[in-house]
Amino acid sequence: MARNKLNKAVKPLRGAQASPVEGDEAGRFYYKGNRQKQLRAFVYTVKLGTLTRAAEALFLSQPTVSLQLQALERELGVRLLERSRRRINLTDAGEALYELSRPLVEGWENLDRDFQAKVKGLESGRLTIAAGSSTIQYLLPELVRRYRERFPAVQLQLANVTGKDGLALLRADDADFAVGSMLDVPNDIAWAPVYHYDPMLITPLDHPLASKARVRVEDLSPYGLILPPQRLSTYRLVDLVFQQRQVPYRVAIEVGGWEVIKEYVAMGMGISIVTGICITEADRSRLAVRNMREYFPQRSYGVVMRKGKYLSGEARAFIDLIRPGLLTHRDYDESGHSER
């Protein structure tokens, strides 16, 4: 009898902070206590795909992460995740919450670093930019020079990737943002074009097309083209124009790199359609260069980022060099999040 009275006396009040080992009811209130932890568990689980990986990244046990997710679903009154043996999948409600909570969680985790950057200036930190070879070679050098002059202590990494590989880096948060050209923009990606370049026909100086008053797409048909690999957007654009105009063409050489293509053209191995970004004054002394904007579309280069991405101070400073005020452009709100 005395023991029963004692147990009743020390039983915690309903709603009080209780130990998670005292049963389901106590565990429910324990995990209800911190929404930040719940959202952090949710974001990591979605981002990494499994409870096990999320638990490892958060230095928690798998049951702890599971309880936090259950508490979050119970409090919000919706199912957020569809659990399977191999992977976690989001419900429609989960998609909505993930879009809202991911920048919050990233903001919390970067708060100390960003605070120091605000107080002390960008004296340290790291910035990773994904870009293709042509962007790194022709567009970024002057921007990188100016950035290094202003923020010499920031460790800058230029990840040389193209297409799907660049998008994969953005989605995995292995790159802060990308700079490049896009033809197809996925729903989870925002792109703000800044620079625009005309398509150029390049031939050897003594080529028959070099002295022709007006060059049409049909005039290119007899000559072998030197183009980048088929997986790249330049090849796709050239092919599309020929197909739309029903003009036959042939590729003499398929090779990567504008400098290599220009060299092969100068040697008389073929002709090419290149983007104006790669044409220099020195090129005009050894190549015949003709603007083909009448037939081929312009190429635009700009900032590419994942929607909802929280931008560090280092990233925002570089984007301001690309174009001041871009982060308040209609594509992005003032915190760097896409509005699309």
C-alpha atoms as a PDB file:
ATOM      1  CA  MET A   1       0.000   0.000   0.000  1.00  0.00           C
ATOM      2  CA  ALA A   2       2.738   2.463   0.925  1.00  0.00           C
ATOM      3  CA  ARG A   3       4.588   1.661  -2.279  1.00  0.00           C
ATOM      4  CA  ASN A   4       1.496   2.376  -4.392  1.00  0.00           C
ATOM      5  CA  LYS A   5       1.004   5.728  -2.692  1.00  0.00           C
ATOM      6  CA  LEU A   6       4.655   6.561  -3.268  1.00  0.00           C
ATOM      7  CA  ASN A   7       4.391   5.690  -6.963  1.00  0.00           C
ATOM      8  CA  LYS A   8       1.363   7.934  -7.344  1.00  0.00           C
ATOM      9  CA  ALA A   9       3.164  10.760  -5.593  1.00  0.00           C
ATOM     10  CA  VAL A  10       6.157  10.754  -7.928  1.00  0.00           C
ATOM     11  CA  LYS A  11       4.190  10.186 -11.155  1.00  0.00           C
ATOM     12  CA  PRO A  12       4.816  13.215 -13.448  1.00  0.00           C
ATOM     13  CA  LEU A  13       1.976  15.561 -14.211  1.00  0.00           C
ATOM     14  CA  ARG A  14       0.317  15.245 -17.606  1.00  0.00           C
ATOM     15  CA  GLY A  15       2.203  17.414 -20.106  1.00  0.00           C
ATOM     16  CA  ALA A  16       5.334  17.646 -17.963  1.00  0.00           C
ATOM     17  CA  GLN A  17       8.773  16.832 -19.375  1.00  0.00           C
ATOM     18  CA  ALA A  18       9.155  13.097 -18.912  1.00  0.00           C
ATOM     19  CA  SER A  19      11.830  10.558 -19.643  1.00  0.00           C
ATOM     20  CA  PRO A  20      11.363   8.710 -22.943  1.00  0.00           C
ATOM     21  CA  VAL A  21      11.910   5.391 -21.179  1.00  0.00           C
ATOM     22  CA  GLU A  22       8.712   5.659 -19.116  1.00  0.00           C
ATOM     23  CA  GLY A  23       6.427   4.425 -21.888  1.00  0.00           C
ATOM     24  CA  ASP A  24       4.643   5.542 -25.009  1.00  0.00           C
ATOM     25  CA  GLU A  25       2.720   8.384 -23.357  1.00  0.00           C
ATOM     26  CA  ALA A  26       5.844   9.836 -21.758  1.00  0.00           C
ATOM     27  CA  GLY A  27       7.830   9.373 -24.967  1.00  0.00           C
ATOM     28  CA  ARG A  28       5.191  11.237 -26.930  1.00  0.00           C
ATOM     29  CA  PHE A  29       5.538  14.324 -24.749  1.00  0.00           C
ATOM     30  CA  TYR A  30       9.300  14.070 -24.698  1.00  0.00           C
ATOM     31  CA  TYR A  31       9.516  14.170 -28.489  1.00  0.00           C
ATOM     32  CA  LYS A  32       6.853  16.830 -28.707  1.00  0.00           C
ATOM     33  CA  GLY A  33       9.080  19.262 -26.894  1.00  0.00           C
ATOM     34  CA  ASN A  34      11.346  20.425 -29.694  1.00  0.00           C
ATOM     35  CA  ARG A  35      10.003  21.191 -33.169  1.00  0.00           C
ATOM     36  CA  GLN A  36      13.473  22.082 -34.400  1.00  0.00           C
ATOM     37  CA  LYS A  37      14.728  18.561 -33.670  1.00  0.00           C
ATOM     38  CA  GLN A  38      11.678  17.055 -35.341  1.00  0.00           C
ATOM     39  CA  LEU A  39      12.153  19.086 -38.514  1.00  0.00           C
ATOM     40  CA  ARG A  40      15.867  18.334 -38.522  1.00  0.00           C
ATOM     41  CA  ALA A  41      15.135  14.604 -38.327  1.00  0.00           C
ATOM     42  CA  PHE A  42      12.541  14.969 -41.087  1.00  0.00           C
ATOM     43  CA  VAL A  43      14.841  16.898 -43.448  1.00  0.00           C
ATOM     44  CA  TYR A  44      17.769  14.545 -42.924  1.00  0.00           C
ATOM     45  CA  THR A  45      15.581  11.486 -43.451  1.00  0.00           C
ATOM     46  CA  VAL A  46      14.219  12.820 -46.731  1.00  0.00           C
ATOM     47  CA  LYS A  47      17.588  14.078 -47.900  1.00  0.00           C
ATOM     48  CA  LEU A  48      19.457  10.850 -47.134  1.00  0.00           C
ATOM     49  CA  GLY A  49      16.636   8.470 -47.997  1.00  0.00           C
ATOM     50  CA  THR A  50      16.607   6.148 -44.984  1.00  0.00           C
ATOM     51  CA  LEU A  51      16.183   6.336 -41.212  1.00  0.00           C
ATOM     52  CA  THR A  52      19.515   4.593 -40.721  1.00  0.00           C
ATOM     53  CA  ARG A  53      21.481   7.174 -42.708  1.00  0.00           C
ATOM     54  CA  ALA A  54      19.639  10.048 -41.056  1.00  0.00           C
ATOM     55  CA  ALA A  55      20.374   8.639 -37.609  1.00  0.00           C
ATOM     56  CA  GLU A  56      24.059   8.275 -38.456  1.00  0.00           C
ATOM     57  CA  ALA A  57      24.284  11.840 -39.763  1.00  0.00           C
ATOM     58  CA  LEU A  58      22.510  13.225 -36.695  1.00  0.00           C
ATOM     59  CA  PHE A  59      24.455  11.029 -34.232  1.00  0.00           C
ATOM     60  CA  LEU A  60      21.186   9.610 -32.901  1.00  0.00           C
ATOM     61  CA  SER A  61      19.688   6.152 -32.641  1.00  0.00           C
ATOM     62  CA  GLN A  62      17.268   5.015 -35.315  1.00  0.00           C
ATOM     63  CA  PRO A  63      14.384   4.649 -32.814  1.00  0.00           C
ATOM     64  CA  THR A  64      14.960   8.244 -31.689  1.00  0.00           C
ATOM     65  CA  VAL A  65      14.668   9.562 -35.241  1.00  0.00           C
ATOM     66  CA  SER A  66      11.588   7.414 -35.814  1.00  0.00           C
ATOM     67  CA  LEU A  67       9.901   8.796 -32.688  1.00  0.00           C
ATOM     68  CA  GLN A  68      10.650  12.360 -33.745  1.00  0.00           C
ATOM     69  CA  LEU A  69       9.073  11.732 -37.142  1.00  0.00           C
ATOM     70  CA  GLN A  70       6.005  10.109 -35.571  1.00  0.00           C
ATOM     71  CA  ALA A  71       5.587  13.043 -33.184  1.00  0.00           C
ATOM     72  CA  LEU A  72       5.841  15.511 -36.071  1.00  0.00           C
ATOM     73  CA  GLU A  73       3.197  13.667 -38.092  1.00  0.00           C
ATOM     74  CA  ARG A  74       0.927  13.409 -35.033  1.00  0.00           C
ATOM     75  CA  GLU A  75       1.200  17.114 -34.222  1.00  0.00           C
ATOM     76  CA  LEU A  76       0.596  18.208 -37.823  1.00  0.00           C
ATOM     77  CA  GLY A  77      -2.226  15.704 -38.257  1.00  0.00           C
ATOM     78  CA  VAL A  78      -0.986  14.385 -41.626  1.00  0.00           C
ATOM     79  CA  ARG A  79       1.125  11.555 -42.940  1.00  0.00           C
ATOM     80  CA  LEU A  80       4.410  12.938 -44.234  1.00  0.00           C
ATOM     81  CA  LEU A  81       6.289   9.805 -45.236  1.00  0.00           C
ATOM     82  CA  GLU A  82       5.497   6.518 -46.920  1.00  0.00           C
ATOM     83  CA  ARG A  83       7.861   3.968 -45.448  1.00  0.00           C
ATOM     84  CA  SER A  84       9.133   1.007 -47.455  1.00  0.00           C
ATOM     85  CA  ARG A  85      11.863  -1.545 -46.848  1.00  0.00           C
ATOM     86  CA  ARG A  86      14.343   0.199 -49.135  1.00  0.00           C
ATOM     87  CA  ARG A  87      13.594   3.915 -49.051  1.00  0.00           C
ATOM     88  CA  ILE A  88      11.472   6.685 -47.572  1.00  0.00           C
ATOM     89  CA  ASN A  89       9.059   8.401 -49.968  1.00  0.00           C
ATOM     90  CA  LEU A  90       7.279  11.718 -49.443  1.00  0.00           C
ATOM     91  CA  THR A  91       3.532  12.205 -49.498  1.00  0.00           C
ATOM     92  CA  ASP A  92       2.099  15.394 -51.017  1.00  0.00           C
ATOM     93  CA  ALA A  93       1.991  16.921 -47.531  1.00  0.00           C
ATOM     94  CA  GLY A  94       5.558  15.782 -46.980  1.00  0.00           C
ATOM     95  CA  GLU A  95       6.671  17.500 -50.187  1.00  0.00           C
ATOM     96  CA  ALA A  96       5.116  20.748 -49.009  1.00  0.00           C
ATOM     97  CA  LEU A  97       6.724  20.533 -45.566  1.00  0.00           C
ATOM     98  CA  TYR A  98      10.113  19.590 -47.005  1.00  0.00           C
ATOM     99  CA  GLU A  99      10.102  22.636 -49.272  1.00  0.00           C
ATOM    100  CA  LEU A 100       9.354  24.868 -46.267  1.00  0.00           C
ATOM    101  CA  SER A 101      11.551  23.201 -43.666  1.00  0.00           C
ATOM    102  CA  ARG A 102      14.740  22.485 -45.594  1.00  0.00           C
ATOM    103  CA  PRO A 103      15.903  26.126 -45.808  1.00  0.00           C
ATOM    104  CA  LEU A 104      15.014  26.558 -42.124  1.00  0.00           C
ATOM    105  CA  VAL A 105      17.121  23.594 -41.056  1.00  0.00           C
ATOM    106  CA  GLU A 106      20.013  24.676 -43.283  1.00  0.00           C
ATOM    107  CA  GLY A 107      19.722  28.178 -41.872  1.00  0.00           C
ATOM    108  CA  TRP A 108      19.918  26.891 -38.301  1.00  0.00           C
ATOM    109  CA  GLU A 109      22.962  24.774 -39.051  1.00  0.00           C
ATOM    110  CA  ASN A 110      24.787  27.607 -40.824  1.00  0.00           C
ATOM    111  CA  LEU A 111      23.790  30.254 -38.300  1.00  0.00           C
ATOM    112  CA  ASP A 112      27.128  30.418 -36.464  1.00  0.00           C
ATOM    113  CA  ARG A 113      29.145  30.654 -39.670  1.00  0.00           C
ATOM    114  CA  ASP A 114      26.844  33.214 -41.254  1.00  0.00           C
ATOM    115  CA  PHE A 115      26.776  35.279 -38.075  1.00  0.00           C
ATOM    116  CA  GLN A 116      30.548  35.406 -37.999  1.00  0.00           C
ATOM    117  CA  ALA A 117      30.569  36.371 -41.675  1.00  0.00           C
ATOM    118  CA  LYS A 118      28.162  39.217 -40.979  1.00  0.00           C
ATOM    119  CA  VAL A 119      30.104  40.471 -37.969  1.00  0.00           C
ATOM    120  CA  LYS A 120      33.641  39.988 -39.199  1.00  0.00           C
ATOM    121  CA  GLY A 121      33.178  39.974 -42.948  1.00  0.00           C
ATOM    122  CA  LEU A 122      33.970  37.004 -45.143  1.00  0.00           C
ATOM    123  CA  GLU A 123      37.285  36.185 -43.532  1.00  0.00           C
ATOM    124  CA  SER A 124      36.948  32.439 -43.971  1.00  0.00           C
ATOM    125  CA  GLY A 125      34.562  29.842 -45.270  1.00  0.00           C
ATOM    126  CA  ARG A 126      34.109  27.713 -48.350  1.00  0.00           C
ATOM    127  CA  LEU A 127      32.295  28.205 -51.640  1.00  0.00           C
ATOM    128  CA  THR A 128      31.695  25.521 -54.275  1.00  0.00           C
ATOM    129  CA  ILE A 129      30.454  26.532 -57.732  1.00  0.00           C
ATOM    130  CA  ALA A 130      29.494  23.972 -60.368  1.00  0.00           C
ATOM    131  CA  ALA A 131      30.219  24.952 -63.977  1.00  0.00           C
ATOM    132  CA  GLY A 132      31.126  23.511 -67.352  1.00  0.00           C
ATOM    133  CA  SER A 133      34.531  23.815 -68.972  1.00  0.00           C
ATOM    134  CA  SER A 134      33.597  26.738 -71.232  1.00  0.00           C
ATOM    135  CA  THR A 135      32.095  28.682 -68.322  1.00  0.00           C
ATOM    136  CA  ILE A 136      35.168  28.099 -66.166  1.00  0.00           C
ATOM    137  CA  GLN A 137      37.537  29.013 -68.997  1.00  0.00           C
ATOM    138  CA  TYR A 138      35.838  32.044 -70.553  1.00  0.00           C
ATOM    139  CA  LEU A 139      33.235  33.492 -68.193  1.00  0.00           C
ATOM    140  CA  LEU A 140      34.434  32.960 -64.634  1.00  0.00           C
ATOM    141  CA  PRO A 141      38.115  34.067 -64.629  1.00  0.00           C
ATOM    142  CA  GLU A 142      37.421  37.786 -64.193  1.00  0.00           C
ATOM    143  CA  LEU A 143      34.701  37.101 -61.600  1.00  0.00           C
ATOM    144  CA  VAL A 144      37.011  34.769 -59.685  1.00  0.00           C
ATOM    145  CA  ARG A 145      39.816  37.367 -59.761  1.00  0.00           C
ATOM    146  CA  ARG A 146      37.550  40.056 -58.318  1.00  0.00           C
ATOM    147  CA  TYR A 147      36.148  37.674 -55.696  1.00  0.00           C
ATOM    148  CA  ARG A 148      39.621  36.572 -54.576  1.00  0.00           C
ATOM    149  CA  GLU A 149      40.704  40.199 -54.229  1.00  0.00           C
ATOM    150  CA  ARG A 150      37.767  40.944 -51.923  1.00  0.00           C
ATOM    151  CA  PHE A 151      37.643  37.643 -49.999  1.00  0.00           C
ATOM    152  CA  PRO A 152      41.112  36.048 -50.094  1.00  0.00           C
ATOM    153  CA  ALA A 153      40.448  33.728 -47.133  1.00  0.00           C
ATOM    154  CA  VAL A 154      37.420  31.996 -48.669  1.00  0.00           C
ATOM    155  CA  GLN A 155      38.290  28.570 -50.040  1.00  0.00           C
ATOM    156  CA  LEU A 156      36.848  28.524 -53.554  1.00  0.00           C
ATOM    157  CA  GLN A 157      36.201  25.301 -55.450  1.00  0.00           C
ATOM    158  CA  LEU A 158      35.141  25.243 -59.114  1.00  0.00           C
ATOM    159  CA  ALA A 159      33.572  21.857 -59.836  1.00  0.00           C
ATOM    160  CA  ASN A 160      34.043  21.132 -63.547  1.00  0.00           C
ATOM    161  CA  VAL A 161      30.794  19.326 -64.412  1.00  0.00           C
ATOM    162  CA  THR A 162      28.054  19.583 -67.005  1.00  0.00           C
ATOM    163  CA  GLY A 163      24.393  18.663 -67.381  1.00  0.00           C
ATOM    164  CA  LYS A 164      23.056  15.992 -65.045  1.00  0.00           C
ATOM    165  CA  ASP A 165      26.260  15.855 -62.996  1.00  0.00           C
ATOM    166  CA  GLY A 166      25.936  19.544 -62.156  1.00  0.00           C
ATOM    167  CA  LEU A 167      22.275  19.167 -61.170  1.00  0.00           C
ATOM    168  CA  ALA A 168      23.196  16.189 -58.996  1.00  0.00           C
ATOM    169  CA  LEU A 169      25.709  18.335 -57.095  1.00  0.00           C
ATOM    170  CA  LEU A 170      23.057  21.007 -56.499  1.00  0.00           C
ATOM    171  CA  ARG A 171      20.464  18.504 -55.313  1.00  0.00           C
ATOM    172  CA  ALA A 172      22.935  16.851 -52.951  1.00  0.00           C
ATOM    173  CA  ASP A 173      24.063  20.245 -51.613  1.00  0.00           C
ATOM    174  CA  ASP A 174      27.599  19.483 -52.745  1.00  0.00           C
ATOM    175  CA  ALA A 175      27.620  22.802 -54.635  1.00  0.00           C
ATOM    176  CA  ASP A 176      26.252  26.152 -53.452  1.00  0.00           C
ATOM    177  CA  PHE A 177      25.059  27.082 -56.931  1.00  0.00           C
ATOM    178  CA  ALA A 178      26.015  26.626 -60.570  1.00  0.00           C
ATOM    179  CA  VAL A 179      26.864  28.998 -63.392  1.00  0.00           C
ATOM    180  CA  GLY A 180      26.028  27.892 -66.899  1.00  0.00           C
ATOM    181  CA  SER A 181      23.534  27.519 -69.711  1.00  0.00           C
ATOM    182  CA  MET A 182      20.320  25.497 -69.588  1.00  0.00           C
ATOM    183  CA  LEU A 183      17.879  24.263 -72.221  1.00  0.00           C
ATOM    184  CA  ASP A 184      15.479  22.368 -69.975  1.00  0.00           C
ATOM    185  CA  VAL A 185      14.886  23.645 -66.440  1.00  0.00           C
ATOM    186  CA  PRO A 186      13.590  20.972 -63.991  1.00  0.00           C
ATOM    187  CA  ASN A 187      10.786  21.892 -61.599  1.00  0.00           C
ATOM    188  CA  ASP A 188      13.080  21.833 -58.555  1.00  0.00           C
ATOM    189  CA  ILE A 189      15.691  24.106 -60.153  1.00  0.00           C
ATOM    190  CA  ALA A 190      15.677  27.890 -60.615  1.00  0.00           C
ATOM    191  CA  TRP A 191      17.716  29.561 -63.358  1.00  0.00           C
ATOM    192  CA  ALA A 192      18.315  33.290 -63.862  1.00  0.00           C
ATOM    193  CA  PRO A 193      20.090  34.064 -67.184  1.00  0.00           C
ATOM    194  CA  VAL A 194      22.529  36.978 -67.099  1.00  0.00           C
ATOM    195  CA  TYR A 195      24.881  36.757 -70.102  1.00  0.00           C
ATOM    196  CA  HIS A 196      23.805  36.223 -73.712  1.00  0.00           C
ATOM    197  CA  TYR A 197      26.012  35.089 -76.590  1.00  0.00           C
ATOM    198  CA  ASP A 198      25.339  34.737 -80.322  1.00  0.00           C
ATOM    199  CA  PRO A 199      26.037  31.540 -82.271  1.00  0.00           C
ATOM    200  CA  MET A 200      29.067  31.838 -84.558  1.00  0.00           C
ATOM    201  CA  LEU A 201      30.135  29.941 -87.640  1.00  0.00           C
ATOM    202  CA  ILE A 202      33.901  29.455 -87.714  1.00  0.00           C
ATOM    203  CA  THR A 203      35.835  28.319 -90.781  1.00  0.00           C
ATOM    204  CA  PRO A 204      39.450  28.463 -91.969  1.00  0.00           C
ATOM    205  CA  LEU A 205      40.352  31.845 -93.482  1.00  0.00           C
ATOM    206  CA  ASP A 206      40.613  30.336 -96.979  1.00  0.00           C
ATOM    207  CA  HIS A 207      37.363  28.357 -96.782  1.00  0.00           C
ATOM    208  CA  PRO A 208      34.730  28.933 -99.554  1.00  0.00           C
ATOM    209  CA  LEU A 209      32.193  30.087 -96.942  1.00  0.00           C
ATOM    210  CA  ALA A 210      34.598  32.734 -95.600  1.00  0.00           C
ATOM    211  CA  SER A 211      34.116  34.974 -98.652  1.00  0.00           C
ATOM    212  CA  LYS A 212      30.422  34.284 -99.175  1.00  0.00           C
ATOM    213  CA  ALA A 213      28.266  37.416 -98.761  1.00  0.00           C
ATOM    214  CA  ARG A 214      25.516  35.626 -96.874  1.00  0.00           C
ATOM    215  CA  VAL A 215      25.729  32.177 -95.336  1.00  0.00           C
ATOM    216  CA  ARG A 216      22.558  30.131 -94.845  1.00  0.00           C
ATOM    217  CA  VAL A 217      22.089  26.850 -93.010  1.00  0.00           C
ATOM    218  CA  GLU A 218      21.772  25.103 -96.374  1.00  0.00           C
ATOM    219  CA  ASP A 219      25.251  26.339 -97.304  1.00  0.00           C
ATOM    220  CA  LEU A 220      26.780  24.352 -94.425  1.00  0.00           C
ATOM    221  CA  SER A 221      25.460  21.005 -95.651  1.00  0.00           C
ATOM    222  CA  PRO A 222      28.392  20.010 -97.947  1.00  0.00           C
ATOM    223  CA  TYR A 223      31.024  20.526 -95.249  1.00  0.00           C
ATOM    224  CA  GLY A 224      31.882  18.324 -92.303  1.00  0.00           C
ATOM    225  CA  LEU A 225      31.072  19.792 -88.890  1.00  0.00           C
ATOM    226  CA  ILE A 226      33.266  19.628 -85.811  1.00  0.00           C
ATOM    227  CA  LEU A 227      30.958  19.535 -82.794  1.00  0.00           C
ATOM    228  CA  PRO A 228      31.079  18.822 -79.052  1.00  0.00           C
ATOM    229  CA  PRO A 229      29.826  15.400 -77.845  1.00  0.00           C
ATOM    230  CA  GLN A 230      26.161  14.574 -78.425  1.00  0.00           C
ATOM    231  CA  ARG A 231      25.385  14.644 -74.703  1.00  0.00           C
ATOM    232  CA  LEU A 232      26.094  18.399 -74.594  1.00  0.00           C
ATOM    233  CA  SER A 233      23.482  21.040 -75.355  1.00  0.00           C
ATOM    234  CA  THR A 234      25.432  22.662 -78.220  1.00  0.00           C
ATOM    235  CA  TYR A 235      25.228  19.490 -80.289  1.00  0.00           C
ATOM    236  CA  ARG A 236      21.512  19.177 -79.529  1.00  0.00           C
ATOM    237  CA  LEU A 237      20.819  22.757 -80.632  1.00  0.00           C
ATOM    238  CA  VAL A 238      22.736  22.412 -83.891  1.00  0.00           C
ATOM    239  CA  ASP A 239      20.997  19.134 -84.661  1.00  0.00           C
ATOM    240  CA  LEU A 240      17.590  20.667 -83.878  1.00  0.00           C
ATOM    241  CA  VAL A 241      18.097  23.556 -86.322  1.00  0.00           C
ATOM    242  CA  PHE A 242      19.147  21.248 -89.155  1.00  0.00           C
ATOM    243  CA  GLN A 243      16.250  18.900 -88.457  1.00  0.00           C
ATOM    244  CA  GLN A 244      13.681  21.711 -88.351  1.00  0.00           C
ATOM    245  CA  ARG A 245      14.901  23.082 -91.694  1.00  0.00           C
ATOM    246  CA  GLN A 246      15.195  19.555 -93.122  1.00  0.00           C
ATOM    247  CA  VAL A 247      18.793  20.186 -94.156  1.00  0.00           C
ATOM    248  CA  PRO A 248      21.140  17.183 -94.226  1.00  0.00           C
ATOM    249  CA  TYR A 249      24.456  17.514 -92.427  1.00  0.00           C
ATOM    250  CA  ARG A 250      27.337  15.348 -91.323  1.00  0.00           C
ATOM    251  CA  VAL A 251      29.648  15.446 -88.333  1.00  0.00           C
ATOM    252  CA  ALA A 252      33.278  15.011 -89.342  1.00  0.00           C
ATOM    253  CA  ILE A 253      34.726  15.115 -85.810  1.00  0.00           C
ATOM    254  CA  GLU A 254      33.071  14.957 -82.410  1.00  0.00           C
ATOM    255  CA  VAL A 255      35.353  16.332 -79.704  1.00  0.00           C
ATOM    256  CA  GLY A 256      35.050  18.202 -76.411  1.00  0.00           C
ATOM    257  CA  GLY A 257      36.455  21.650 -75.667  1.00  0.00           C
ATOM    258  CA  TRP A 258      36.065  24.888 -77.612  1.00  0.00           C
ATOM    259  CA  GLU A 259      39.831  25.422 -77.818  1.00  0.00           C
ATOM    260  CA  VAL A 260      40.298  22.000 -79.421  1.00  0.00           C
ATOM    261  CA  ILE A 261      37.448  22.644 -81.868  1.00  0.00           C
ATOM    262  CA  LYS A 262      38.883  26.036 -82.867  1.00  0.00           C
ATOM    263  CA  GLU A 263      42.315  24.508 -83.395  1.00  0.00           C
ATOM    264  CA  TYR A 264      40.948  21.720 -85.610  1.00  0.00           C
ATOM    265  CA  VAL A 265      38.941  24.228 -87.656  1.00  0.00           C
ATOM    266  CA  ALA A 266      41.996  26.437 -88.120  1.00  0.00           C
ATOM    267  CA  MET A 267      43.888  23.358 -89.387  1.00  0.00           C
ATOM    268  CA  GLY A 268      41.238  22.850 -92.083  1.00  0.00           C
ATOM    269  CA  MET A 269      39.656  19.697 -90.651  1.00  0.00           C
ATOM    270  CA  GLY A 270      36.113  21.056 -90.795  1.00  0.00           C
ATOM    271  CA  ILE A 271      33.815  23.931 -89.811  1.00  0.00           C
ATOM    272  CA  SER A 272      31.860  24.500 -86.626  1.00  0.00           C
ATOM    273  CA  ILE A 273      29.039  26.385 -84.925  1.00  0.00           C
ATOM    274  CA  VAL A 274      30.309  27.677 -81.584  1.00  0.00           C
ATOM    275  CA  THR A 275      28.957  29.977 -78.904  1.00  0.00           C
ATOM    276  CA  GLY A 276      30.307  33.534 -78.993  1.00  0.00           C
ATOM    277  CA  ILE A 277      31.566  33.177 -75.422  1.00  0.00           C
ATOM    278  CA  CYS A 278      34.656  31.355 -76.716  1.00  0.00           C
ATOM    279  CA  ILE A 279      35.656  33.759 -79.518  1.00  0.00           C
ATOM    280  CA  THR A 280      38.657  35.987 -78.735  1.00  0.00           C
ATOM    281  CA  GLU A 281      40.432  38.676 -80.740  1.00  0.00           C
ATOM    282  CA  ALA A 282      43.277  36.241 -81.374  1.00  0.00           C
ATOM    283  CA  ASP A 283      40.803  33.781 -82.904  1.00  0.00           C
ATOM    284  CA  ARG A 284      39.698  36.349 -85.496  1.00  0.00           C
ATOM    285  CA  SER A 285      43.226  36.533 -86.847  1.00  0.00           C
ATOM    286  CA  ARG A 286      43.263  32.831 -87.771  1.00  0.00           C
ATOM    287  CA  LEU A 287      39.572  32.013 -88.270  1.00  0.00           C
ATOM    288  CA  ALA A 288      36.727  33.435 -90.345  1.00  0.00           C
ATOM    289  CA  VAL A 289      33.926  34.197 -87.873  1.00  0.00           C
ATOM    290  CA  ARG A 290      30.314  34.748 -89.002  1.00  0.00           C
ATOM    291  CA  ASN A 291      27.322  35.547 -86.793  1.00  0.00           C
ATOM    292  CA  MET A 292      24.569  32.948 -87.332  1.00  0.00           C
ATOM    293  CA  ARG A 293      21.934  34.352 -84.965  1.00  0.00           C
ATOM    294  CA  GLU A 294      19.492  34.502 -87.882  1.00  0.00           C
ATOM    295  CA  TYR A 295      19.324  30.710 -87.863  1.00  0.00           C
ATOM    296  CA  PHE A 296      20.651  29.431 -84.534  1.00  0.00           C
ATOM    297  CA  PRO A 297      19.409  30.559 -81.071  1.00  0.00           C
ATOM    298  CA  GLN A 298      21.430  32.622 -78.639  1.00  0.00           C
ATOM    299  CA  ARG A 299      22.930  30.869 -75.633  1.00  0.00           C
ATOM    300  CA  SER A 300      22.301  32.371 -72.222  1.00  0.00           C
ATOM    301  CA  TYR A 301      24.453  31.808 -69.136  1.00  0.00           C
ATOM    302  CA  GLY A 302      23.426  32.564 -65.609  1.00  0.00           C
ATOM    303  CA  VAL A 303      22.981  31.385 -62.023  1.00  0.00           C
ATOM    304  CA  VAL A 304      21.463  27.956 -61.406  1.00  0.00           C
ATOM    305  CA  MET A 305      20.363  26.826 -57.954  1.00  0.00           C
ATOM    306  CA  ARG A 306      18.070  24.400 -56.212  1.00  0.00           C
ATOM    307  CA  LYS A 307      14.727  25.898 -55.235  1.00  0.00           C
ATOM    308  CA  GLY A 308      14.565  26.593 -51.521  1.00  0.00           C
ATOM    309  CA  LYS A 309      18.354  26.651 -51.222  1.00  0.00           C
ATOM    310  CA  TYR A 310      19.691  28.645 -48.289  1.00  0.00           C
ATOM    311  CA  LEU A 311      22.608  30.689 -49.595  1.00  0.00           C
ATOM    312  CA  SER A 312      25.640  31.327 -47.427  1.00  0.00           C
ATOM    313  CA  GLY A 313      27.234  34.753 -47.229  1.00  0.00           C
ATOM    314  CA  GLU A 314      30.074  33.483 -49.420  1.00  0.00           C
ATOM    315  CA  ALA A 315      27.623  32.429 -52.137  1.00  0.00           C
ATOM    316  CA  ARG A 316      25.603  35.638 -51.999  1.00  0.00           C
ATOM    317  CA  ALA A 317      28.770  37.729 -52.352  1.00  0.00           C
ATOM    318  CA  PHE A 318      29.807  35.883 -55.535  1.00  0.00           C
ATOM    319  CA  ILE A 319      26.333  36.142 -57.069  1.00  0.00           C
ATOM    320  CA  ASP A 320      26.385  39.888 -56.404  1.00  0.00           C
ATOM    321  CA  LEU A 321      29.532  40.048 -58.535  1.00  0.00           C
ATOM    322  CA  ILE A 322      27.749  38.260 -61.378  1.00  0.00           C
ATOM    323  CA  ARG A 323      24.935  40.782 -61.252  1.00  0.00           C
ATOM    324  CA  PRO A 324      24.124  43.067 -58.310  1.00  0.00           C
ATOM    325  CA  GLY A 325      20.557  42.652 -57.175  1.00  0.00           C
ATOM    326  CA  LEU A 326      20.084  39.271 -58.860  1.00  0.00           C
ATOM    327  CA  LEU A 327      18.866  37.733 -55.613  1.00  0.00           C
ATOM    328  CA  THR A 328      15.965  40.200 -55.571  1.00  0.00           C
ATOM    329  CA  HIS A 329      15.197  39.340 -59.210  1.00  0.00           C
ATOM    330  CA  ARG A 330      11.715  37.918 -59.806  1.00  0.00           C
ATOM    331  CA  ASP A 331      13.218  34.417 -59.763  1.00  0.00           C
ATOM    332  CA  TYR A 332      14.441  34.800 -56.189  1.00  0.00           C
ATOM    333  CA  ASP A 333      13.229  36.489 -53.052  1.00  0.00           C
ATOM    334  CA  GLU A 334      15.502  38.505 -50.798  1.00  0.00           C
ATOM    335  CA  SER A 335      16.696  35.451 -48.878  1.00  0.00           C
ATOM    336  CA  GLY A 336      17.917  33.719 -52.014  1.00  0.00           C
ATOM    337  CA  HIS A 337      14.992  31.323 -52.305  1.00  0.00           C
ATOM    338  CA  SER A 338      13.397  30.707 -55.665  1.00  0.00           C
ATOM    339  CA  GLU A 339       9.865  31.999 -56.102  1.00  0.00           C
ATOM    340  CA  ARG A 340       9.178  29.730 -59.038  1.00  0.00           C
END
